[in-house]
Structure formats: structure tokens, C-alpha cells
Amino acid sequence: MVLFANHLGISHRQFSLSIGASSGYLNRIVTQGSNVGGDYIEKCVEVYPDLNPLWLITGEGEMMKSNVKKSIDDIIEEKIDQKLSIKDNSEIMLLIRAIIEKELQELKGKEKLT
């Protein structure tokens, strides 16, 4: 939760209040090493639908569910801005394949660092 609050650029207090917890909830978890209550995990997923629940619970995978989708959308928008046409489905598939391969390479690079 702390990493996610930092990712959002909000204070621990703001994050705690956003999920319906007391203003010091996240700070208490950090300082006392407490476990996060299941009801607050559920509330996080409800309030922040792009948050990956698997990451929230286990710390594995991507923090955000939409990382790949946003990358695809960004590239398609860039192509449109550059006035390059995507002529048919095969071009779209090549574009998506390139994005997925890039994501996989980045993940493999991260695994080597750990």
C-alpha cells in the first residue's frame, strides 16, 4: 500500500482516508509492522480499479493492471498524431506483438536484477 500511495503521489494520510481508514492507518502499518486488514484490501481494489490485486496481496507482477493496455493506446495515439495509417489488422497485430515483446524483455531484465 505504501508503494502504491507513493506511486499516486499522495500522502499516507490521504491514501488511508481514501480507503475509509483512519488518517494514521497506513503509518501504523508501516511503523508497527501490522498486517493489512482484508476489508481494506477489498476497499483498495474497489477505489483503485487499475490496481492489480495480485500485486497488492503478494507483491508479484505489475502494480497496475493497465500497464500494457496504456502502452498500446499510447502507441496507437502516437501513430495517429504522426498521421501514419494502420492499414489493416496485420499491422495492428504486429504493433501489439512488438509491445508485448518489449514488456517481456523488461520483465526478464527485472528478474535478472533480483
PDB file of N, CA and C in Angstrom:
ATOM      1  N   MET A   1       0.819  -1.195   0.000  1.00  0.00           N
ATOM      2  CA  MET A   1       0.000   0.000   0.000  1.00  0.00           C
ATOM      3  C   MET A   1       0.865   1.262   0.000  1.00  0.00           C
ATOM      4  N   VAL A   2       1.969   1.206   0.712  1.00  0.00           N
ATOM      5  CA  VAL A   2       2.855   2.363   0.777  1.00  0.00           C
ATOM      6  C   VAL A   2       3.410   2.678  -0.611  1.00  0.00           C
ATOM      7  N   LEU A   3       3.871   1.650  -1.308  1.00  0.00           N
ATOM      8  CA  LEU A   3       4.401   1.863  -2.656  1.00  0.00           C
ATOM      9  C   LEU A   3       3.336   2.427  -3.587  1.00  0.00           C
ATOM     10  N   PHE A   4       2.127   1.949  -3.435  1.00  0.00           N
ATOM     11  CA  PHE A   4       1.042   2.429  -4.284  1.00  0.00           C
ATOM     12  C   PHE A   4       0.717   3.880  -3.965  1.00  0.00           C
ATOM     13  N   ALA A   5       0.661   4.232  -2.697  1.00  0.00           N
ATOM     14  CA  ALA A   5       0.415   5.633  -2.315  1.00  0.00           C
ATOM     15  C   ALA A   5       1.514   6.524  -2.884  1.00  0.00           C
ATOM     16  N   ASN A   6       2.759   6.056  -2.797  1.00  0.00           N
ATOM     17  CA  ASN A   6       3.870   6.816  -3.367  1.00  0.00           C
ATOM     18  C   ASN A   6       3.711   6.948  -4.884  1.00  0.00           C
ATOM     19  N   HIS A   7       3.293   5.859  -5.528  1.00  0.00           N
ATOM     20  CA  HIS A   7       3.060   5.870  -6.974  1.00  0.00           C
ATOM     21  C   HIS A   7       2.009   6.923  -7.340  1.00  0.00           C
ATOM     22  N   LEU A   8       0.968   7.030  -6.526  1.00  0.00           N
ATOM     23  CA  LEU A   8      -0.089   8.003  -6.779  1.00  0.00           C
ATOM     24  C   LEU A   8       0.354   9.427  -6.459  1.00  0.00           C
ATOM     25  N   GLY A   9       1.412   9.548  -5.672  1.00  0.00           N
ATOM     26  CA  GLY A   9       1.891  10.868  -5.276  1.00  0.00           C
ATOM     27  C   GLY A   9       1.043  11.501  -4.192  1.00  0.00           C
ATOM     28  N   ILE A  10       0.436  10.649  -3.349  1.00  0.00           N
ATOM     29  CA  ILE A  10      -0.378  11.178  -2.253  1.00  0.00           C
ATOM     30  C   ILE A  10       0.227  10.753  -0.920  1.00  0.00           C
ATOM     31  N   SER A  11      -0.122  11.472   0.115  1.00  0.00           N
ATOM     32  CA  SER A  11       0.410  11.176   1.444  1.00  0.00           C
ATOM     33  C   SER A  11      -0.227   9.905   2.002  1.00  0.00           C
ATOM     34  N   HIS A  12       0.415   9.350   3.014  1.00  0.00           N
ATOM     35  CA  HIS A  12      -0.146   8.169   3.679  1.00  0.00           C
ATOM     36  C   HIS A  12      -1.512   8.502   4.264  1.00  0.00           C
ATOM     37  N   ARG A  13      -1.647   9.711   4.778  1.00  0.00           N
ATOM     38  CA  ARG A  13      -2.917  10.154   5.357  1.00  0.00           C
ATOM     39  C   ARG A  13      -4.003  10.179   4.285  1.00  0.00           C
ATOM     40  N   GLN A  14      -3.711  10.802   3.146  1.00  0.00           N
ATOM     41  CA  GLN A  14      -4.689  10.883   2.059  1.00  0.00           C
ATOM     42  C   GLN A  14      -5.095   9.495   1.581  1.00  0.00           C
ATOM     43  N   PHE A  15      -4.109   8.607   1.451  1.00  0.00           N
ATOM     44  CA  PHE A  15      -4.415   7.254   0.992  1.00  0.00           C
ATOM     45  C   PHE A  15      -5.305   6.534   2.004  1.00  0.00           C
ATOM     46  N   SER A  16      -4.945   6.631   3.276  1.00  0.00           N
ATOM     47  CA  SER A  16      -5.738   5.975   4.321  1.00  0.00           C
ATOM     48  C   SER A  16      -7.182   6.443   4.280  1.00  0.00           C
ATOM     49  N   LEU A  17      -7.375   7.742   4.181  1.00  0.00           N
ATOM     50  CA  LEU A  17      -8.736   8.286   4.138  1.00  0.00           C
ATOM     51  C   LEU A  17      -9.471   7.852   2.865  1.00  0.00           C
ATOM     52  N   SER A  18      -8.745   7.701   1.767  1.00  0.00           N
ATOM     53  CA  SER A  18      -9.392   7.318   0.506  1.00  0.00           C
ATOM     54  C   SER A  18      -9.996   5.922   0.558  1.00  0.00           C
ATOM     55  N   ILE A  19      -9.452   5.072   1.428  1.00  0.00           N
ATOM     56  CA  ILE A  19      -9.997   3.709   1.539  1.00  0.00           C
ATOM     57  C   ILE A  19     -10.887   3.548   2.770  1.00  0.00           C
ATOM     58  N   GLY A  20     -11.212   4.684   3.390  1.00  0.00           N
ATOM     59  CA  GLY A  20     -12.134   4.653   4.517  1.00  0.00           C
ATOM     60  C   GLY A  20     -11.502   4.282   5.844  1.00  0.00           C
ATOM     61  N   ALA A  21     -10.184   4.355   5.920  1.00  0.00           N
ATOM     62  CA  ALA A  21      -9.481   4.047   7.165  1.00  0.00           C
ATOM     63  C   ALA A  21      -9.214   5.347   7.930  1.00  0.00           C
ATOM     64  N   SER A  22      -8.756   5.215   9.157  1.00  0.00           N
ATOM     65  CA  SER A  22      -8.394   6.404   9.926  1.00  0.00           C
ATOM     66  C   SER A  22      -7.175   7.054   9.289  1.00  0.00           C
ATOM     67  N   SER A  23      -6.956   8.316   9.583  1.00  0.00           N
ATOM     68  CA  SER A  23      -5.894   9.074   8.918  1.00  0.00           C
ATOM     69  C   SER A  23      -4.499   8.507   9.181  1.00  0.00           C
ATOM     70  N   GLY A  24      -4.299   7.805  10.280  1.00  0.00           N
ATOM     71  CA  GLY A  24      -2.980   7.249  10.598  1.00  0.00           C
ATOM     72  C   GLY A  24      -2.832   5.766  10.288  1.00  0.00           C
ATOM     73  N   TYR A  25      -3.810   5.180   9.603  1.00  0.00           N
ATOM     74  CA  TYR A  25      -3.813   3.733   9.365  1.00  0.00           C
ATOM     75  C   TYR A  25      -2.555   3.244   8.658  1.00  0.00           C
ATOM     76  N   LEU A  26      -2.217   3.841   7.537  1.00  0.00           N
ATOM     77  CA  LEU A  26      -1.059   3.390   6.768  1.00  0.00           C
ATOM     78  C   LEU A  26       0.240   3.601   7.547  1.00  0.00           C
ATOM     79  N   ASN A  27       0.342   4.704   8.258  1.00  0.00           N
ATOM     80  CA  ASN A  27       1.537   4.936   9.079  1.00  0.00           C
ATOM     81  C   ASN A  27       1.673   3.878  10.176  1.00  0.00           C
ATOM     82  N   ARG A  28       0.567   3.482  10.784  1.00  0.00           N
ATOM     83  CA  ARG A  28       0.620   2.443  11.820  1.00  0.00           C
ATOM     84  C   ARG A  28       1.072   1.109  11.233  1.00  0.00           C
ATOM     85  N   ILE A  29       0.612   0.805  10.051  1.00  0.00           N
ATOM     86  CA  ILE A  29       1.022  -0.438   9.399  1.00  0.00           C
ATOM     87  C   ILE A  29       2.535  -0.434   9.197  1.00  0.00           C
ATOM     88  N   VAL A  30       3.067   0.691   8.750  1.00  0.00           N
ATOM     89  CA  VAL A  30       4.495   0.801   8.482  1.00  0.00           C
ATOM     90  C   VAL A  30       5.295   0.751   9.782  1.00  0.00           C
ATOM     91  N   THR A  31       4.938   1.567  10.744  1.00  0.00           N
ATOM     92  CA  THR A  31       5.746   1.672  11.967  1.00  0.00           C
ATOM     93  C   THR A  31       5.613   0.455  12.871  1.00  0.00           C
ATOM     94  N   GLN A  32       4.431  -0.149  12.921  1.00  0.00           N
ATOM     95  CA  GLN A  32       4.216  -1.294  13.803  1.00  0.00           C
ATOM     96  C   GLN A  32       4.351  -2.632  13.083  1.00  0.00           C
ATOM     97  N   GLY A  33       4.544  -2.596  11.785  1.00  0.00           N
ATOM     98  CA  GLY A  33       4.658  -3.841  11.026  1.00  0.00           C
ATOM     99  C   GLY A  33       3.387  -4.666  11.056  1.00  0.00           C
ATOM    100  N   SER A  34       2.257  -3.989  11.140  1.00  0.00           N
ATOM    101  CA  SER A  34       0.962  -4.672  11.213  1.00  0.00           C
ATOM    102  C   SER A  34       0.549  -5.225   9.859  1.00  0.00           C
ATOM    103  N   ASN A  35      -0.357  -6.174   9.888  1.00  0.00           N
ATOM    104  CA  ASN A  35      -0.939  -6.710   8.656  1.00  0.00           C
ATOM    105  C   ASN A  35      -2.084  -5.817   8.204  1.00  0.00           C
ATOM    106  N   VAL A  36      -2.276  -5.774   6.914  1.00  0.00           N
ATOM    107  CA  VAL A  36      -3.385  -5.015   6.342  1.00  0.00           C
ATOM    108  C   VAL A  36      -4.641  -5.866   6.456  1.00  0.00           C
ATOM    109  N   GLY A  37      -5.708  -5.268   6.913  1.00  0.00           N
ATOM    110  CA  GLY A  37      -6.964  -5.991   7.039  1.00  0.00           C
ATOM    111  C   GLY A  37      -7.565  -6.293   5.679  1.00  0.00           C
ATOM    112  N   GLY A  38      -8.190  -7.448   5.569  1.00  0.00           N
ATOM    113  CA  GLY A  38      -8.810  -7.863   4.315  1.00  0.00           C
ATOM    114  C   GLY A  38      -9.851  -6.884   3.816  1.00  0.00           C
ATOM    115  N   ASP A  39     -10.551  -6.246   4.740  1.00  0.00           N
ATOM    116  CA  ASP A  39     -11.560  -5.277   4.325  1.00  0.00           C
ATOM    117  C   ASP A  39     -10.925  -4.069   3.651  1.00  0.00           C
ATOM    118  N   TYR A  40      -9.722  -3.698   4.072  1.00  0.00           N
ATOM    119  CA  TYR A  40      -9.046  -2.567   3.439  1.00  0.00           C
ATOM    120  C   TYR A  40      -8.414  -2.962   2.099  1.00  0.00           C
ATOM    121  N   ILE A  41      -8.003  -4.208   1.978  1.00  0.00           N
ATOM    122  CA  ILE A  41      -7.524  -4.690   0.678  1.00  0.00           C
ATOM    123  C   ILE A  41      -8.677  -4.628  -0.322  1.00  0.00           C
ATOM    124  N   GLU A  42      -9.825  -5.093   0.110  1.00  0.00           N
ATOM    125  CA  GLU A  42     -11.008  -5.065  -0.748  1.00  0.00           C
ATOM    126  C   GLU A  42     -11.369  -3.629  -1.128  1.00  0.00           C
ATOM    127  N   LYS A  43     -11.279  -2.722  -0.169  1.00  0.00           N
ATOM    128  CA  LYS A  43     -11.611  -1.322  -0.430  1.00  0.00           C
ATOM    129  C   LYS A  43     -10.612  -0.700  -1.413  1.00  0.00           C
ATOM    130  N   CYS A  44      -9.322  -1.047  -1.291  1.00  0.00           N
ATOM    131  CA  CYS A  44      -8.299  -0.545  -2.222  1.00  0.00           C
ATOM    132  C   CYS A  44      -8.641  -0.926  -3.648  1.00  0.00           C
ATOM    133  N   VAL A  45      -9.006  -2.178  -3.837  1.00  0.00           N
ATOM    134  CA  VAL A  45      -9.325  -2.670  -5.181  1.00  0.00           C
ATOM    135  C   VAL A  45     -10.585  -1.993  -5.714  1.00  0.00           C
ATOM    136  N   GLU A  46     -11.515  -1.706  -4.819  1.00  0.00           N
ATOM    137  CA  GLU A  46     -12.751  -1.031  -5.215  1.00  0.00           C
ATOM    138  C   GLU A  46     -12.492   0.437  -5.596  1.00  0.00           C
ATOM    139  N   VAL A  47     -11.709   1.127  -4.780  1.00  0.00           N
ATOM    140  CA  VAL A  47     -11.450   2.554  -5.002  1.00  0.00           C
ATOM    141  C   VAL A  47     -10.471   2.782  -6.150  1.00  0.00           C
ATOM    142  N   TYR A  48      -9.523   1.858  -6.300  1.00  0.00           N
ATOM    143  CA  TYR A  48      -8.488   1.980  -7.331  1.00  0.00           C
ATOM    144  C   TYR A  48      -8.572   0.782  -8.276  1.00  0.00           C
ATOM    145  N   PRO A  49      -9.510   0.809  -9.226  1.00  0.00           N
ATOM    146  CA  PRO A  49      -9.741  -0.362 -10.082  1.00  0.00           C
ATOM    147  C   PRO A  49      -8.554  -0.743 -10.968  1.00  0.00           C
ATOM    148  N   ASP A  50      -7.621   0.172 -11.223  1.00  0.00           N
ATOM    149  CA  ASP A  50      -6.444  -0.177 -12.027  1.00  0.00           C
ATOM    150  C   ASP A  50      -5.367  -0.870 -11.206  1.00  0.00           C
ATOM    151  N   LEU A  51      -5.522  -0.895  -9.890  1.00  0.00           N
ATOM    152  CA  LEU A  51      -4.560  -1.563  -9.023  1.00  0.00           C
ATOM    153  C   LEU A  51      -4.693  -3.070  -9.180  1.00  0.00           C
ATOM    154  N   ASN A  52      -3.577  -3.734  -9.388  1.00  0.00           N
ATOM    155  CA  ASN A  52      -3.556  -5.186  -9.563  1.00  0.00           C
ATOM    156  C   ASN A  52      -3.694  -5.856  -8.189  1.00  0.00           C
ATOM    157  N   PRO A  53      -4.790  -6.559  -7.924  1.00  0.00           N
ATOM    158  CA  PRO A  53      -4.987  -7.179  -6.616  1.00  0.00           C
ATOM    159  C   PRO A  53      -3.906  -8.207  -6.269  1.00  0.00           C
ATOM    160  N   LEU A  54      -3.408  -8.930  -7.270  1.00  0.00           N
ATOM    161  CA  LEU A  54      -2.348  -9.907  -7.022  1.00  0.00           C
ATOM    162  C   LEU A  54      -1.107  -9.198  -6.502  1.00  0.00           C
ATOM    163  N   TRP A  55      -0.758  -8.085  -7.109  1.00  0.00           N
ATOM    164  CA  TRP A  55       0.397  -7.313  -6.649  1.00  0.00           C
ATOM    165  C   TRP A  55       0.160  -6.806  -5.237  1.00  0.00           C
ATOM    166  N   LEU A  56      -1.030  -6.321  -4.970  1.00  0.00           N
ATOM    167  CA  LEU A  56      -1.351  -5.772  -3.658  1.00  0.00           C
ATOM    168  C   LEU A  56      -1.194  -6.816  -2.561  1.00  0.00           C
ATOM    169  N   ILE A  57      -1.625  -8.034  -2.834  1.00  0.00           N
ATOM    170  CA  ILE A  57      -1.599  -9.092  -1.814  1.00  0.00           C
ATOM    171  C   ILE A  57      -0.238  -9.770  -1.726  1.00  0.00           C
ATOM    172  N   THR A  58       0.380 -10.045  -2.883  1.00  0.00           N
ATOM    173  CA  THR A  58       1.616 -10.843  -2.870  1.00  0.00           C
ATOM    174  C   THR A  58       2.878 -10.053  -3.201  1.00  0.00           C
ATOM    175  N   GLY A  59       2.706  -8.895  -3.834  1.00  0.00           N
ATOM    176  CA  GLY A  59       3.866  -8.133  -4.295  1.00  0.00           C
ATOM    177  C   GLY A  59       4.413  -8.626  -5.623  1.00  0.00           C
ATOM    178  N   GLU A  60       3.749  -9.573  -6.244  1.00  0.00           N
ATOM    179  CA  GLU A  60       4.206 -10.139  -7.510  1.00  0.00           C
ATOM    180  C   GLU A  60       3.471  -9.504  -8.686  1.00  0.00           C
ATOM    181  N   GLY A  61       4.153  -9.457  -9.829  1.00  0.00           N
ATOM    182  CA  GLY A  61       3.551  -8.917 -11.037  1.00  0.00           C
ATOM    183  C   GLY A  61       3.629  -7.405 -11.084  1.00  0.00           C
ATOM    184  N   GLU A  62       2.837  -6.839 -11.968  1.00  0.00           N
ATOM    185  CA  GLU A  62       2.799  -5.389 -12.157  1.00  0.00           C
ATOM    186  C   GLU A  62       1.873  -4.749 -11.132  1.00  0.00           C
ATOM    187  N   MET A  63       2.224  -3.557 -10.686  1.00  0.00           N
ATOM    188  CA  MET A  63       1.382  -2.832  -9.743  1.00  0.00           C
ATOM    189  C   MET A  63       0.041  -2.467 -10.380  1.00  0.00           C
ATOM    190  N   MET A  64       0.089  -2.043 -11.630  1.00  0.00           N
ATOM    191  CA  MET A  64      -1.108  -1.571 -12.298  1.00  0.00           C
ATOM    192  C   MET A  64      -1.566  -2.582 -13.350  1.00  0.00           C
ATOM    193  N   LYS A  65      -2.861  -2.847 -13.385  1.00  0.00           N
ATOM    194  CA  LYS A  65      -3.408  -3.795 -14.352  1.00  0.00           C
ATOM    195  C   LYS A  65      -3.317  -3.273 -15.774  1.00  0.00           C
ATOM    196  N   SER A  66      -3.336  -1.981 -15.951  1.00  0.00           N
ATOM    197  CA  SER A  66      -3.478  -1.421 -17.291  1.00  0.00           C
ATOM    198  C   SER A  66      -2.160  -1.020 -17.940  1.00  0.00           C
ATOM    199  N   ASN A  67      -1.014  -1.420 -17.397  1.00  0.00           N
ATOM    200  CA  ASN A  67       0.270  -1.007 -17.974  1.00  0.00           C
ATOM    201  C   ASN A  67       0.386  -1.354 -19.444  1.00  0.00           C
ATOM    202  N   VAL A  68       0.073  -2.578 -19.820  1.00  0.00           N
ATOM    203  CA  VAL A  68       0.195  -2.991 -21.218  1.00  0.00           C
ATOM    204  C   VAL A  68      -0.841  -2.275 -22.071  1.00  0.00           C
ATOM    205  N   LYS A  69      -2.078  -2.198 -21.612  1.00  0.00           N
ATOM    206  CA  LYS A  69      -3.131  -1.536 -22.380  1.00  0.00           C
ATOM    207  C   LYS A  69      -2.774  -0.078 -22.627  1.00  0.00           C
ATOM    208  N   LYS A  70      -2.279   0.605 -21.598  1.00  0.00           N
ATOM    209  CA  LYS A  70      -1.913   2.003 -21.778  1.00  0.00           C
ATOM    210  C   LYS A  70      -0.789   2.126 -22.797  1.00  0.00           C
ATOM    211  N   SER A  71       0.143   1.203 -22.793  1.00  0.00           N
ATOM    212  CA  SER A  71       1.235   1.257 -23.764  1.00  0.00           C
ATOM    213  C   SER A  71       0.699   1.124 -25.176  1.00  0.00           C
ATOM    214  N   ILE A  72      -0.226   0.218 -25.387  1.00  0.00           N
ATOM    215  CA  ILE A  72      -0.825   0.026 -26.703  1.00  0.00           C
ATOM    216  C   ILE A  72      -1.577   1.291 -27.114  1.00  0.00           C
ATOM    217  N   ASP A  73      -2.390   1.819 -26.207  1.00  0.00           N
ATOM    218  CA  ASP A  73      -3.142   3.029 -26.506  1.00  0.00           C
ATOM    219  C   ASP A  73      -2.214   4.189 -26.839  1.00  0.00           C
ATOM    220  N   ASP A  74      -1.136   4.324 -26.074  1.00  0.00           N
ATOM    221  CA  ASP A  74      -0.188   5.414 -26.321  1.00  0.00           C
ATOM    222  C   ASP A  74       0.440   5.299 -27.700  1.00  0.00           C
ATOM    223  N   ILE A  75       0.821   4.100 -28.080  1.00  0.00           N
ATOM    224  CA  ILE A  75       1.476   3.919 -29.380  1.00  0.00           C
ATOM    225  C   ILE A  75       0.494   4.156 -30.518  1.00  0.00           C
ATOM    226  N   ILE A  76      -0.713   3.665 -30.384  1.00  0.00           N
ATOM    227  CA  ILE A  76      -1.720   3.900 -31.426  1.00  0.00           C
ATOM    228  C   ILE A  76      -1.998   5.397 -31.546  1.00  0.00           C
ATOM    229  N   GLU A  77      -2.127   6.076 -30.402  1.00  0.00           N
ATOM    230  CA  GLU A  77      -2.355   7.523 -30.433  1.00  0.00           C
ATOM    231  C   GLU A  77      -1.176   8.246 -31.091  1.00  0.00           C
ATOM    232  N   GLU A  78       0.031   7.790 -30.780  1.00  0.00           N
ATOM    233  CA  GLU A  78       1.226   8.377 -31.393  1.00  0.00           C
ATOM    234  C   GLU A  78       1.195   8.202 -32.916  1.00  0.00           C
ATOM    235  N   LYS A  79       0.801   7.010 -33.361  1.00  0.00           N
ATOM    236  CA  LYS A  79       0.708   6.761 -34.797  1.00  0.00           C
ATOM    237  C   LYS A  79      -0.304   7.712 -35.440  1.00  0.00           C
ATOM    238  N   ILE A  80      -1.424   7.911 -34.762  1.00  0.00           N
ATOM    239  CA  ILE A  80      -2.446   8.812 -35.284  1.00  0.00           C
ATOM    240  C   ILE A  80      -1.908  10.237 -35.329  1.00  0.00           C
ATOM    241  N   ASP A  81      -1.226  10.655 -34.235  1.00  0.00           N
ATOM    242  CA  ASP A  81      -0.650  12.005 -34.187  1.00  0.00           C
ATOM    243  C   ASP A  81       0.369  12.215 -35.304  1.00  0.00           C
ATOM    244  N   GLN A  82       1.089  11.171 -35.655  1.00  0.00           N
ATOM    245  CA  GLN A  82       2.089  11.259 -36.708  1.00  0.00           C
ATOM    246  C   GLN A  82       1.469  11.087 -38.100  1.00  0.00           C
ATOM    247  N   LYS A  83       0.155  10.909 -38.100  1.00  0.00           N
ATOM    248  CA  LYS A  83      -0.595  10.727 -39.345  1.00  0.00           C
ATOM    249  C   LYS A  83      -0.123   9.513 -40.133  1.00  0.00           C
ATOM    250  N   LEU A  84       0.315   8.488 -39.393  1.00  0.00           N
ATOM    251  CA  LEU A  84       0.655   7.225 -40.027  1.00  0.00           C
ATOM    252  C   LEU A  84      -0.582   6.354 -39.960  1.00  0.00           C
ATOM    253  N   SER A  85      -0.897   5.716 -41.024  1.00  0.00           N
ATOM    254  CA  SER A  85      -2.106   4.911 -41.032  1.00  0.00           C
ATOM    255  C   SER A  85      -1.790   3.473 -40.642  1.00  0.00           C
ATOM    256  N   ILE A  86      -2.726   2.887 -39.963  1.00  0.00           N
ATOM    257  CA  ILE A  86      -2.688   1.455 -39.712  1.00  0.00           C
ATOM    258  C   ILE A  86      -3.667   0.868 -40.706  1.00  0.00           C
ATOM    259  N   LYS A  87      -3.124   0.229 -41.726  1.00  0.00           N
ATOM    260  CA  LYS A  87      -3.933  -0.143 -42.879  1.00  0.00           C
ATOM    261  C   LYS A  87      -4.829  -1.346 -42.657  1.00  0.00           C
ATOM    262  N   ASP A  88      -4.366  -2.303 -41.862  1.00  0.00           N
ATOM    263  CA  ASP A  88      -5.181  -3.500 -41.688  1.00  0.00           C
ATOM    264  C   ASP A  88      -4.848  -4.153 -40.346  1.00  0.00           C
ATOM    265  N   ASN A  89      -5.547  -5.229 -40.060  1.00  0.00           N
ATOM    266  CA  ASN A  89      -5.369  -5.933 -38.790  1.00  0.00           C
ATOM    267  C   ASN A  89      -3.959  -6.473 -38.611  1.00  0.00           C
ATOM    268  N   SER A  90      -3.286  -6.835 -39.692  1.00  0.00           N
ATOM    269  CA  SER A  90      -1.941  -7.395 -39.557  1.00  0.00           C
ATOM    270  C   SER A  90      -0.984  -6.350 -38.989  1.00  0.00           C
ATOM    271  N   GLU A  91      -1.158  -5.085 -39.369  1.00  0.00           N
ATOM    272  CA  GLU A  91      -0.318  -4.032 -38.801  1.00  0.00           C
ATOM    273  C   GLU A  91      -0.598  -3.862 -37.316  1.00  0.00           C
ATOM    274  N   ILE A  92      -1.856  -3.931 -36.945  1.00  0.00           N
ATOM    275  CA  ILE A  92      -2.221  -3.818 -35.534  1.00  0.00           C
ATOM    276  C   ILE A  92      -1.612  -4.981 -34.751  1.00  0.00           C
ATOM    277  N   MET A  93      -1.709  -6.190 -35.299  1.00  0.00           N
ATOM    278  CA  MET A  93      -1.160  -7.365 -34.619  1.00  0.00           C
ATOM    279  C   MET A  93       0.357  -7.247 -34.466  1.00  0.00           C
ATOM    280  N   LEU A  94       1.047  -6.754 -35.487  1.00  0.00           N
ATOM    281  CA  LEU A  94       2.495  -6.556 -35.388  1.00  0.00           C
ATOM    282  C   LEU A  94       2.826  -5.536 -34.309  1.00  0.00           C
ATOM    283  N   LEU A  95       2.040  -4.495 -34.231  1.00  0.00           N
ATOM    284  CA  LEU A  95       2.238  -3.463 -33.226  1.00  0.00           C
ATOM    285  C   LEU A  95       2.044  -4.040 -31.822  1.00  0.00           C
ATOM    286  N   ILE A  96       0.992  -4.782 -31.635  1.00  0.00           N
ATOM    287  CA  ILE A  96       0.719  -5.390 -30.331  1.00  0.00           C
ATOM    288  C   ILE A  96       1.819  -6.385 -29.972  1.00  0.00           C
ATOM    289  N   ARG A  97       2.240  -7.210 -30.922  1.00  0.00           N
ATOM    290  CA  ARG A  97       3.310  -8.177 -30.669  1.00  0.00           C
ATOM    291  C   ARG A  97       4.588  -7.468 -30.231  1.00  0.00           C
ATOM    292  N   ALA A  98       4.935  -6.367 -30.889  1.00  0.00           N
ATOM    293  CA  ALA A  98       6.140  -5.617 -30.531  1.00  0.00           C
ATOM    294  C   ALA A  98       6.052  -5.071 -29.117  1.00  0.00           C
ATOM    295  N   ILE A  99       4.879  -4.602 -28.736  1.00  0.00           N
ATOM    296  CA  ILE A  99       4.695  -4.068 -27.387  1.00  0.00           C
ATOM    297  C   ILE A  99       4.826  -5.175 -26.354  1.00  0.00           C
ATOM    298  N   ILE A 100       4.210  -6.311 -26.612  1.00  0.00           N
ATOM    299  CA  ILE A 100       4.269  -7.433 -25.668  1.00  0.00           C
ATOM    300  C   ILE A 100       5.700  -7.941 -25.544  1.00  0.00           C
ATOM    301  N   GLU A 101       6.408  -8.049 -26.653  1.00  0.00           N
ATOM    302  CA  GLU A 101       7.803  -8.494 -26.592  1.00  0.00           C
ATOM    303  C   GLU A 101       8.653  -7.535 -25.787  1.00  0.00           C
ATOM    304  N   LYS A 102       8.411  -6.239 -25.953  1.00  0.00           N
ATOM    305  CA  LYS A 102       9.148  -5.240 -25.176  1.00  0.00           C
ATOM    306  C   LYS A 102       8.859  -5.405 -23.687  1.00  0.00           C
ATOM    307  N   GLU A 103       7.576  -5.585 -23.336  1.00  0.00           N
ATOM    308  CA  GLU A 103       7.190  -5.779 -21.933  1.00  0.00           C
ATOM    309  C   GLU A 103       7.861  -7.028 -21.352  1.00  0.00           C
ATOM    310  N   LEU A 104       7.894  -8.107 -22.119  1.00  0.00           N
ATOM    311  CA  LEU A 104       8.517  -9.345 -21.653  1.00  0.00           C
ATOM    312  C   LEU A 104      10.012  -9.160 -21.444  1.00  0.00           C
ATOM    313  N   GLN A 105      10.675  -8.451 -22.341  1.00  0.00           N
ATOM    314  CA  GLN A 105      12.104  -8.185 -22.183  1.00  0.00           C
ATOM    315  C   GLN A 105      12.372  -7.370 -20.926  1.00  0.00           C
ATOM    316  N   GLU A 106      11.528  -6.385 -20.663  1.00  0.00           N
ATOM    317  CA  GLU A 106      11.684  -5.575 -19.459  1.00  0.00           C
ATOM    318  C   GLU A 106      11.498  -6.425 -18.209  1.00  0.00           C
ATOM    319  N   LEU A 107      10.504  -7.323 -18.226  1.00  0.00           N
ATOM    320  CA  LEU A 107      10.274  -8.198 -17.081  1.00  0.00           C
ATOM    321  C   LEU A 107      11.468  -9.130 -16.867  1.00  0.00           C
ATOM    322  N   LYS A 108      12.008  -9.678 -17.949  1.00  0.00           N
ATOM    323  CA  LYS A 108      13.172 -10.566 -17.834  1.00  0.00           C
ATOM    324  C   LYS A 108      14.364  -9.799 -17.287  1.00  0.00           C
ATOM    325  N   GLY A 109      14.520  -8.555 -17.703  1.00  0.00           N
ATOM    326  CA  GLY A 109      15.610  -7.716 -17.185  1.00  0.00           C
ATOM    327  C   GLY A 109      15.456  -7.455 -15.710  1.00  0.00           C
ATOM    328  N   LYS A 110      14.224  -7.239 -15.244  1.00  0.00           N
ATOM    329  CA  LYS A 110      13.965  -7.019 -13.824  1.00  0.00           C
ATOM    330  C   LYS A 110      14.261  -8.273 -13.029  1.00  0.00           C
ATOM    331  N   GLU A 111      13.914  -9.450 -13.570  1.00  0.00           N
ATOM    332  CA  GLU A 111      14.163 -10.723 -12.874  1.00  0.00           C
ATOM    333  C   GLU A 111      15.650 -10.952 -12.694  1.00  0.00           C
ATOM    334  N   LYS A 112      16.466 -10.561 -13.689  1.00  0.00           N
ATOM    335  CA  LYS A 112      17.908 -10.741 -13.589  1.00  0.00           C
ATOM    336  C   LYS A 112      18.509  -9.869 -12.507  1.00  0.00           C
ATOM    337  N   LEU A 113      17.886  -8.721 -12.249  1.00  0.00           N
ATOM    338  CA  LEU A 113      18.396  -7.803 -11.228  1.00  0.00           C
ATOM    339  C   LEU A 113      18.139  -8.314  -9.815  1.00  0.00           C
ATOM    340  N   THR A 114      17.110  -9.148  -9.651  1.00  0.00           N
ATOM    341  CA  THR A 114      16.764  -9.611  -8.307  1.00  0.00           C
ATOM    342  C   THR A 114      17.484 -10.883  -7.948  1.00  0.00           C
TER     343      THR A 114
END
